[in-house]
Amino acid sequence: MAAYRAGSGTLSAIYGARKMLLEKQLMIADLEKEAALVWASLEYHVIPHAIATNGSIEK
């Protein structure tokens, strides 16, 4: 933006940089979503130790 305002950069360079930033943000969001899905999958598929050894949970 500074280069464009100073008259030494192009508007297409600004749009290109903005597009690249948005694509990186989308990639980060996709990775965060994938990590959350893996975490949820692990959370619901892990058998607690008490159930694995005794067959039930003691309170």
Protein backbone atom coordinates (compact mmCIF):
# COMPACT_ATOMS: atom_id res chain seq x y z
CA MET A 1 0.00 0.00 0.00
CA ALA A 2 2.82 2.38 0.84
CA ALA A 3 4.46 1.86 -2.55
CA TYR A 4 1.16 2.47 -4.33
CA ARG A 5 0.52 5.62 -2.31
CA ALA A 6 4.03 6.82 -3.08
CA GLY A 7 3.40 6.25 -6.77
CA SER A 8 6.02 3.53 -7.19
CA GLY A 9 3.76 0.47 -6.94
CA THR A 10 0.81 -0.82 -8.92
CA LEU A 11 -2.73 -1.46 -7.85
CA SER A 12 -2.50 -5.00 -9.22
CA ALA A 13 0.39 -5.66 -6.82
CA ILE A 14 -1.85 -4.64 -3.93
CA TYR A 15 -4.62 -6.95 -5.13
CA GLY A 16 -2.11 -9.76 -5.61
CA ALA A 17 -0.75 -9.35 -2.10
CA ARG A 18 -4.26 -9.20 -0.65
CA LYS A 19 -5.25 -12.34 -2.55
CA MET A 20 -2.15 -14.16 -1.28
CA LEU A 21 -2.94 -13.08 2.31
CA LEU A 22 -6.53 -14.32 2.03
CA GLU A 23 -5.36 -17.64 0.56
CA LYS A 24 -2.93 -18.10 3.47
CA GLN A 25 -5.68 -17.29 5.96
CA LEU A 26 -7.92 -19.89 4.31
CA MET A 27 -5.11 -22.45 4.51
CA ILE A 28 -4.69 -21.72 8.22
CA ALA A 29 -8.43 -22.07 8.79
CA ASP A 30 -8.44 -25.40 6.94
CA LEU A 31 -5.53 -26.68 9.05
CA GLU A 32 -7.24 -25.57 12.24
CA LYS A 33 -10.42 -27.32 11.15
CA GLU A 34 -8.51 -30.51 10.36
CA ALA A 35 -6.76 -30.40 13.74
CA ALA A 36 -10.11 -29.93 15.50
CA LEU A 37 -11.60 -32.89 13.65
CA VAL A 38 -8.64 -35.09 14.57
CA TRP A 39 -8.87 -33.98 18.19
CA ALA A 40 -12.61 -34.72 18.28
CA SER A 41 -12.03 -38.11 16.67
CA LEU A 42 -9.41 -38.99 19.29
CA GLU A 43 -11.54 -37.65 22.12
CA TYR A 44 -14.48 -39.89 21.25
CA HIS A 45 -12.52 -43.03 20.33
CA VAL A 46 -10.19 -43.33 23.30
CA ILE A 47 -11.41 -45.79 25.92
CA PRO A 48 -10.87 -44.60 29.51
CA HIS A 49 -8.41 -46.74 31.48
CA ALA A 50 -11.04 -47.76 34.06
CA ILE A 51 -13.33 -49.20 31.38
CA ALA A 52 -10.48 -51.01 29.65
CA THR A 53 -9.33 -52.75 32.85
CA ASN A 54 -12.56 -53.26 34.86
CA GLY A 55 -15.23 -53.13 32.21
CA SER A 56 -16.99 -50.27 34.00
CA ILE A 57 -16.28 -46.90 35.56
CA GLU A 58 -16.17 -46.85 39.37
CA LYS A 59 -17.32 -43.71 41.15
